[in-house]
N, C-alpha and C. Protein backbone atom coordinates (compact mmCIF):
# COMPACT_ATOMS: atom_id res chain seq x y z
N MET A 1 203.43 270.80 216.53
CA MET A 1 202.79 269.75 215.77
C MET A 1 203.87 268.87 215.13
N SER A 2 203.64 267.59 215.09
CA SER A 2 204.64 266.67 214.54
C SER A 2 204.61 266.70 213.01
N ALA A 3 205.67 266.22 212.40
CA ALA A 3 205.73 266.15 210.94
C ALA A 3 204.61 265.25 210.42
N THR A 4 204.31 264.19 211.16
CA THR A 4 203.23 263.29 210.75
C THR A 4 201.90 264.02 210.75
N ALA A 5 201.66 264.82 211.78
CA ALA A 5 200.41 265.58 211.85
C ALA A 5 200.35 266.60 210.72
N ASP A 6 201.48 267.24 210.40
CA ASP A 6 201.51 268.19 209.29
C ASP A 6 201.11 267.50 207.99
N HIS A 7 201.66 266.32 207.75
CA HIS A 7 201.33 265.60 206.52
C HIS A 7 199.88 265.14 206.52
N ALA A 8 199.35 264.75 207.66
CA ALA A 8 197.95 264.35 207.75
C ALA A 8 197.05 265.53 207.42
N GLU A 9 197.39 266.72 207.94
CA GLU A 9 196.59 267.91 207.64
C GLU A 9 196.63 268.23 206.16
N GLU A 10 197.80 268.07 205.53
CA GLU A 10 197.92 268.35 204.11
C GLU A 10 197.01 267.43 203.29
N ARG A 11 196.83 266.20 203.75
CA ARG A 11 195.96 265.27 203.02
C ARG A 11 194.49 265.60 203.22
N THR A 12 194.12 266.09 204.41
CA THR A 12 192.71 266.30 204.70
C THR A 12 192.24 267.73 204.47
N ASN A 13 193.12 268.71 204.53
CA ASN A 13 192.73 270.10 204.35
C ASN A 13 193.23 270.58 202.99
N PRO A 14 192.29 270.84 202.06
CA PRO A 14 192.70 271.25 200.71
C PRO A 14 193.57 272.52 200.73
N ALA A 15 193.28 273.45 201.62
CA ALA A 15 194.06 274.70 201.68
C ALA A 15 195.50 274.42 202.10
N ALA A 16 195.71 273.48 203.00
CA ALA A 16 197.07 273.12 203.42
C ALA A 16 197.83 272.49 202.25
N ARG A 17 197.15 271.68 201.45
CA ARG A 17 197.78 271.08 200.27
C ARG A 17 198.25 272.15 199.29
N LEU A 18 197.53 273.27 199.26
CA LEU A 18 197.88 274.36 198.36
C LEU A 18 198.98 275.25 198.93
N GLY A 19 199.34 275.04 200.19
CA GLY A 19 200.44 275.78 200.78
C GLY A 19 200.06 277.09 201.45
N PHE A 20 198.78 277.32 201.67
CA PHE A 20 198.37 278.54 202.35
C PHE A 20 198.77 278.48 203.81
N GLN A 21 199.03 279.67 204.40
CA GLN A 21 199.50 279.79 205.77
C GLN A 21 198.60 280.74 206.56
N PRO A 22 198.52 280.57 207.88
CA PRO A 22 197.77 281.51 208.70
C PRO A 22 198.25 282.95 208.48
N GLU A 23 197.30 283.88 208.54
CA GLU A 23 197.57 285.33 208.44
C GLU A 23 197.82 285.82 207.01
N GLN A 24 197.83 284.93 206.03
CA GLN A 24 198.04 285.39 204.66
C GLN A 24 196.82 286.15 204.15
N VAL A 25 197.08 287.08 203.22
CA VAL A 25 196.02 287.76 202.49
C VAL A 25 195.91 287.05 201.15
N VAL A 26 194.74 286.45 200.89
CA VAL A 26 194.53 285.72 199.65
C VAL A 26 193.42 286.41 198.87
N GLN A 27 193.76 286.84 197.66
CA GLN A 27 192.81 287.53 196.81
C GLN A 27 192.16 286.54 195.85
N GLU A 28 190.86 286.65 195.73
CA GLU A 28 190.09 285.74 194.87
C GLU A 28 189.55 286.50 193.67
N ILE A 29 189.76 285.93 192.50
CA ILE A 29 189.29 286.52 191.25
C ILE A 29 188.46 285.47 190.50
N GLY A 30 187.39 285.91 189.86
CA GLY A 30 186.59 285.00 189.05
C GLY A 30 185.55 284.21 189.82
N TYR A 31 185.21 284.68 191.02
CA TYR A 31 184.21 283.97 191.83
C TYR A 31 182.89 283.91 191.07
N ASP A 32 182.23 282.77 191.15
CA ASP A 32 180.89 282.60 190.60
C ASP A 32 180.23 281.45 191.37
N ASP A 33 178.99 281.15 191.03
CA ASP A 33 178.23 280.12 191.75
C ASP A 33 178.85 278.73 191.64
N ASP A 34 179.69 278.51 190.63
CA ASP A 34 180.23 277.17 190.38
C ASP A 34 181.54 276.88 191.10
N VAL A 35 182.11 277.83 191.84
CA VAL A 35 183.39 277.59 192.49
C VAL A 35 183.25 276.54 193.59
N ASP A 36 184.35 275.97 194.01
CA ASP A 36 184.35 274.94 195.05
C ASP A 36 184.28 275.60 196.42
N GLN A 37 183.07 275.60 197.01
CA GLN A 37 182.86 276.27 198.30
C GLN A 37 183.68 275.63 199.42
N GLU A 38 183.83 274.32 199.38
CA GLU A 38 184.61 273.63 200.41
C GLU A 38 186.06 274.11 200.39
N LEU A 39 186.63 274.26 199.21
CA LEU A 39 188.00 274.76 199.09
C LEU A 39 188.09 276.19 199.62
N ARG A 40 187.15 277.04 199.21
CA ARG A 40 187.15 278.43 199.68
C ARG A 40 187.10 278.48 201.21
N GLU A 41 186.19 277.70 201.79
CA GLU A 41 186.04 277.70 203.25
C GLU A 41 187.29 277.18 203.94
N SER A 42 187.94 276.18 203.36
CA SER A 42 189.15 275.65 203.98
C SER A 42 190.29 276.67 203.92
N ILE A 43 190.36 277.45 202.84
CA ILE A 43 191.37 278.50 202.75
C ILE A 43 191.11 279.55 203.82
N GLU A 44 189.86 280.00 203.92
CA GLU A 44 189.51 281.02 204.91
C GLU A 44 189.78 280.54 206.33
N GLU A 45 189.46 279.28 206.59
CA GLU A 45 189.71 278.71 207.92
C GLU A 45 191.21 278.70 208.23
N LEU A 46 192.02 278.29 207.26
CA LEU A 46 193.45 278.19 207.47
C LEU A 46 194.12 279.56 207.63
N ILE A 47 193.73 280.53 206.79
CA ILE A 47 194.37 281.84 206.86
C ILE A 47 193.80 282.70 207.99
N GLY A 48 192.63 282.32 208.49
CA GLY A 48 192.02 283.05 209.59
C GLY A 48 191.31 284.32 209.18
N ASN A 49 191.05 284.47 207.91
CA ASN A 49 190.36 285.65 207.37
C ASN A 49 189.53 285.23 206.16
N GLU A 50 188.65 286.15 205.74
CA GLU A 50 187.93 285.92 204.50
C GLU A 50 188.86 286.20 203.32
N LEU A 51 188.56 285.59 202.20
CA LEU A 51 189.29 285.91 200.97
C LEU A 51 188.93 287.35 200.59
N VAL A 52 189.90 288.09 200.09
CA VAL A 52 189.61 289.45 199.64
C VAL A 52 189.22 289.38 198.16
N ASP A 53 188.38 290.33 197.74
CA ASP A 53 187.85 290.25 196.38
C ASP A 53 188.69 291.07 195.40
N GLU A 54 188.18 291.19 194.20
CA GLU A 54 188.89 291.84 193.11
C GLU A 54 189.15 293.31 193.37
N ASP A 55 188.43 293.92 194.32
CA ASP A 55 188.59 295.34 194.61
C ASP A 55 189.70 295.63 195.62
N TYR A 56 190.30 294.59 196.19
CA TYR A 56 191.38 294.77 197.16
C TYR A 56 192.52 295.53 196.48
N ASP A 57 193.03 296.58 197.14
CA ASP A 57 193.99 297.45 196.45
C ASP A 57 195.40 297.43 197.05
N ASP A 58 195.78 296.33 197.67
CA ASP A 58 197.13 296.18 198.18
C ASP A 58 197.70 294.88 197.62
N VAL A 59 198.96 294.61 197.88
CA VAL A 59 199.58 293.39 197.39
C VAL A 59 199.13 292.21 198.26
N ALA A 60 198.69 291.15 197.63
CA ALA A 60 198.23 289.95 198.34
C ALA A 60 199.39 288.95 198.46
N ASP A 61 199.24 288.01 199.41
CA ASP A 61 200.24 286.95 199.57
C ASP A 61 200.06 285.84 198.53
N ALA A 62 198.85 285.73 198.00
CA ALA A 62 198.53 284.72 196.99
C ALA A 62 197.23 285.13 196.30
N VAL A 63 197.03 284.62 195.10
CA VAL A 63 195.80 284.85 194.36
C VAL A 63 195.20 283.50 193.99
N VAL A 64 193.88 283.39 194.14
CA VAL A 64 193.13 282.24 193.62
C VAL A 64 192.31 282.78 192.45
N LEU A 65 192.62 282.30 191.25
CA LEU A 65 191.95 282.74 190.03
C LEU A 65 191.10 281.59 189.50
N TRP A 66 189.78 281.75 189.60
CA TRP A 66 188.85 280.77 189.03
C TRP A 66 188.67 281.16 187.57
N PHE A 67 188.97 280.24 186.64
CA PHE A 67 188.92 280.59 185.23
C PHE A 67 188.28 279.46 184.43
N ARG A 68 187.32 279.86 183.58
CA ARG A 68 186.62 278.92 182.70
C ARG A 68 186.90 279.31 181.25
N GLU A 69 186.75 278.37 180.36
CA GLU A 69 187.09 278.58 178.95
C GLU A 69 186.47 279.85 178.37
N ASP A 70 185.25 280.19 178.75
CA ASP A 70 184.57 281.35 178.18
C ASP A 70 184.73 282.63 179.01
N ASP A 71 185.73 282.66 179.91
CA ASP A 71 185.94 283.83 180.75
C ASP A 71 186.79 284.92 180.09
N GLY A 72 187.18 284.72 178.84
CA GLY A 72 187.98 285.73 178.16
C GLY A 72 189.37 285.21 177.87
N ASP A 73 190.34 286.12 177.86
CA ASP A 73 191.71 285.77 177.51
C ASP A 73 192.48 285.34 178.75
N LEU A 74 192.92 284.10 178.77
CA LEU A 74 193.62 283.57 179.95
C LEU A 74 194.94 284.29 180.18
N THR A 75 195.66 284.60 179.13
CA THR A 75 196.94 285.31 179.31
C THR A 75 196.71 286.64 180.01
N ASP A 76 195.72 287.41 179.56
CA ASP A 76 195.42 288.69 180.20
C ASP A 76 195.05 288.51 181.67
N ALA A 77 194.24 287.49 181.96
CA ALA A 77 193.83 287.23 183.34
C ALA A 77 195.04 286.89 184.21
N LEU A 78 195.98 286.11 183.67
CA LEU A 78 197.17 285.74 184.42
C LEU A 78 198.11 286.93 184.63
N VAL A 79 198.25 287.77 183.61
CA VAL A 79 199.08 288.97 183.76
C VAL A 79 198.48 289.85 184.86
N ASP A 80 197.18 290.06 184.81
CA ASP A 80 196.51 290.88 185.83
C ASP A 80 196.70 290.28 187.22
N ALA A 81 196.51 288.97 187.34
CA ALA A 81 196.64 288.30 188.64
C ALA A 81 198.06 288.39 189.16
N SER A 82 199.05 288.26 188.28
CA SER A 82 200.44 288.28 188.73
C SER A 82 200.85 289.66 189.24
N GLN A 83 200.14 290.70 188.83
CA GLN A 83 200.43 292.05 189.30
C GLN A 83 199.92 292.28 190.72
N LEU A 84 199.13 291.36 191.24
CA LEU A 84 198.51 291.51 192.56
C LEU A 84 199.33 290.90 193.68
N VAL A 85 200.41 290.19 193.33
CA VAL A 85 201.24 289.51 194.33
C VAL A 85 202.70 289.89 194.15
N ASP A 86 203.50 289.69 195.19
CA ASP A 86 204.94 289.90 195.10
C ASP A 86 205.58 288.82 194.23
N ASP A 87 206.78 289.11 193.73
CA ASP A 87 207.52 288.11 192.97
C ASP A 87 207.68 286.84 193.79
N GLY A 88 207.49 285.71 193.16
CA GLY A 88 207.65 284.43 193.83
C GLY A 88 206.40 283.95 194.56
N ALA A 89 205.41 284.83 194.73
CA ALA A 89 204.16 284.42 195.40
C ALA A 89 203.27 283.69 194.40
N PRO A 90 202.47 282.75 194.89
CA PRO A 90 201.69 281.93 193.95
C PRO A 90 200.41 282.57 193.44
N VAL A 91 200.12 282.28 192.20
CA VAL A 91 198.80 282.49 191.61
C VAL A 91 198.26 281.09 191.38
N TRP A 92 197.21 280.75 192.10
CA TRP A 92 196.58 279.44 191.92
C TRP A 92 195.50 279.58 190.87
N LEU A 93 195.74 279.00 189.70
CA LEU A 93 194.76 279.00 188.62
C LEU A 93 193.87 277.79 188.78
N MET A 94 192.59 278.04 189.03
CA MET A 94 191.61 276.96 189.19
C MET A 94 190.78 276.87 187.92
N THR A 95 190.84 275.71 187.27
CA THR A 95 190.09 275.49 186.04
C THR A 95 189.24 274.23 186.18
N PRO A 96 188.09 274.19 185.49
CA PRO A 96 187.25 272.99 185.56
C PRO A 96 187.99 271.76 185.04
N LYS A 97 187.70 270.62 185.67
CA LYS A 97 188.31 269.36 185.26
C LYS A 97 187.80 268.93 183.89
N THR A 98 188.52 268.00 183.28
CA THR A 98 188.14 267.43 181.99
C THR A 98 186.68 267.00 182.02
N GLY A 99 185.94 267.36 180.98
CA GLY A 99 184.55 266.95 180.87
C GLY A 99 183.57 267.89 181.57
N ARG A 100 184.05 268.86 182.32
CA ARG A 100 183.18 269.82 183.01
C ARG A 100 182.99 271.05 182.13
N ASP A 101 181.87 271.75 182.30
CA ASP A 101 181.64 272.99 181.57
C ASP A 101 182.78 273.96 181.85
N GLY A 102 183.32 274.57 180.81
CA GLY A 102 184.37 275.56 180.98
C GLY A 102 185.77 275.00 181.01
N TYR A 103 185.93 273.69 180.74
CA TYR A 103 187.24 273.04 180.74
C TYR A 103 188.23 273.81 179.89
N VAL A 104 189.46 273.97 180.40
CA VAL A 104 190.53 274.66 179.70
C VAL A 104 191.64 273.64 179.42
N GLU A 105 192.06 273.55 178.17
CA GLU A 105 193.10 272.60 177.78
C GLU A 105 194.42 272.89 178.50
N PRO A 106 195.11 271.85 178.99
CA PRO A 106 196.41 272.06 179.63
C PRO A 106 197.40 272.82 178.74
N SER A 107 197.37 272.57 177.45
CA SER A 107 198.29 273.27 176.54
C SER A 107 197.98 274.77 176.52
N ASP A 108 196.70 275.14 176.65
CA ASP A 108 196.33 276.55 176.71
C ASP A 108 196.83 277.19 178.00
N ILE A 109 196.75 276.45 179.10
CA ILE A 109 197.26 276.94 180.38
C ILE A 109 198.77 277.15 180.30
N ASN A 110 199.46 276.17 179.74
CA ASN A 110 200.92 276.25 179.62
C ASN A 110 201.33 277.44 178.76
N GLU A 111 200.69 277.60 177.62
CA GLU A 111 201.03 278.70 176.72
C GLU A 111 200.73 280.06 177.35
N ALA A 112 199.56 280.19 177.97
CA ALA A 112 199.18 281.46 178.60
C ALA A 112 200.10 281.79 179.77
N SER A 113 200.46 280.77 180.54
CA SER A 113 201.36 280.97 181.69
C SER A 113 202.71 281.49 181.22
N GLN A 114 203.27 280.85 180.21
CA GLN A 114 204.58 281.27 179.70
C GLN A 114 204.53 282.68 179.14
N THR A 115 203.47 282.98 178.38
CA THR A 115 203.32 284.31 177.80
C THR A 115 203.19 285.37 178.89
N ALA A 116 202.54 285.01 179.99
CA ALA A 116 202.35 285.94 181.11
C ALA A 116 203.58 286.03 182.00
N GLY A 117 204.62 285.26 181.70
CA GLY A 117 205.85 285.30 182.48
C GLY A 117 205.78 284.49 183.76
N LEU A 118 204.89 283.51 183.80
CA LEU A 118 204.72 282.67 184.99
C LEU A 118 205.24 281.27 184.72
N SER A 119 205.69 280.62 185.77
CA SER A 119 206.15 279.23 185.68
C SER A 119 205.17 278.35 186.46
N GLN A 120 204.75 277.26 185.84
CA GLN A 120 203.88 276.31 186.53
C GLN A 120 204.74 275.39 187.38
N THR A 121 204.46 275.36 188.70
CA THR A 121 205.28 274.54 189.59
C THR A 121 204.61 273.23 189.96
N LYS A 122 203.28 273.19 189.97
CA LYS A 122 202.60 271.92 190.20
C LYS A 122 201.12 272.07 189.90
N SER A 123 200.46 270.92 189.74
CA SER A 123 199.01 270.86 189.55
C SER A 123 198.46 269.90 190.58
N ILE A 124 197.27 270.22 191.08
CA ILE A 124 196.64 269.34 192.06
C ILE A 124 195.15 269.22 191.77
N ASN A 125 194.56 268.21 192.36
CA ASN A 125 193.12 268.05 192.37
C ASN A 125 192.60 269.02 193.43
N ALA A 126 191.90 270.07 193.00
CA ALA A 126 191.49 271.13 193.92
C ALA A 126 190.05 271.00 194.37
N GLY A 127 189.41 269.90 194.06
CA GLY A 127 188.02 269.71 194.45
C GLY A 127 187.34 268.77 193.46
N LYS A 128 186.07 268.57 193.68
CA LYS A 128 185.32 267.64 192.86
C LYS A 128 185.33 268.03 191.38
N ASP A 129 185.24 269.32 191.09
CA ASP A 129 185.12 269.78 189.71
C ASP A 129 186.28 270.64 189.23
N TRP A 130 187.30 270.85 190.08
CA TRP A 130 188.34 271.82 189.76
C TRP A 130 189.75 271.23 189.86
N THR A 131 190.62 271.70 188.97
CA THR A 131 192.04 271.40 189.01
C THR A 131 192.76 272.70 189.32
N GLY A 132 193.78 272.63 190.17
CA GLY A 132 194.55 273.82 190.52
C GLY A 132 195.95 273.74 189.93
N SER A 133 196.38 274.83 189.31
CA SER A 133 197.74 274.93 188.79
C SER A 133 198.44 276.05 189.55
N ARG A 134 199.56 275.71 190.20
CA ARG A 134 200.32 276.71 190.96
C ARG A 134 201.29 277.38 190.01
N LEU A 135 201.12 278.69 189.83
CA LEU A 135 201.95 279.48 188.94
C LEU A 135 202.67 280.53 189.75
N VAL A 136 203.93 280.76 189.45
CA VAL A 136 204.70 281.79 190.15
C VAL A 136 205.48 282.63 189.16
N THR A 137 205.71 283.88 189.56
CA THR A 137 206.59 284.76 188.82
C THR A 137 207.98 284.56 189.37
N PRO A 138 208.95 284.30 188.53
CA PRO A 138 210.31 284.16 189.04
C PRO A 138 210.72 285.42 189.80
N LYS A 139 211.38 285.25 190.94
CA LYS A 139 211.81 286.38 191.75
C LYS A 139 212.68 287.31 190.90
N GLY A 140 212.38 288.62 191.00
CA GLY A 140 213.15 289.61 190.28
C GLY A 140 212.81 289.71 188.80
N ALA A 141 211.76 289.02 188.36
CA ALA A 141 211.45 288.99 186.94
C ALA A 141 210.61 290.17 186.49
N LYS A 142 209.96 290.86 187.43
CA LYS A 142 209.12 291.98 187.03
C LYS A 142 209.35 293.14 187.97
N SER A 143 208.96 294.30 187.54
CA SER A 143 209.10 295.47 188.42
C SER A 143 207.84 295.60 189.27
N LYS A 144 207.99 296.22 190.42
CA LYS A 144 206.83 296.45 191.31
C LYS A 144 205.90 297.46 190.68
N ARG A 145 204.63 297.31 191.05
CA ARG A 145 203.66 298.26 190.50
C ARG A 145 203.67 299.54 191.27
């Protein structure tokens, strides 16, 4: 595939914009009726498998964490999510956009991420109602479980 085609796919396929790759194991946390089904389906199509749920008991290549303001403590959720992936692997925090039910302030995301030992590397428009924040644990920053 040409570089131009790769860039075109990144613009049209939300999962490609998030950096997902074929054959990856992606664990999903916080699923509910309000999640972006188009994004979920595009991830599954790209990785060639269904997303694994919260009961998956091995290390995932990435985590998609759907989080709303009333879902509890964001720092705890991020610490738990970061334990499910290898160092340097992404935790995609999906939060409702401004003005949507469950909106989470960017300052709260930043504070919770730092407290959880994660670095925010980018934010994207992850769908009609969701914003995605790519968070990673610095390589070598934590011990394996």
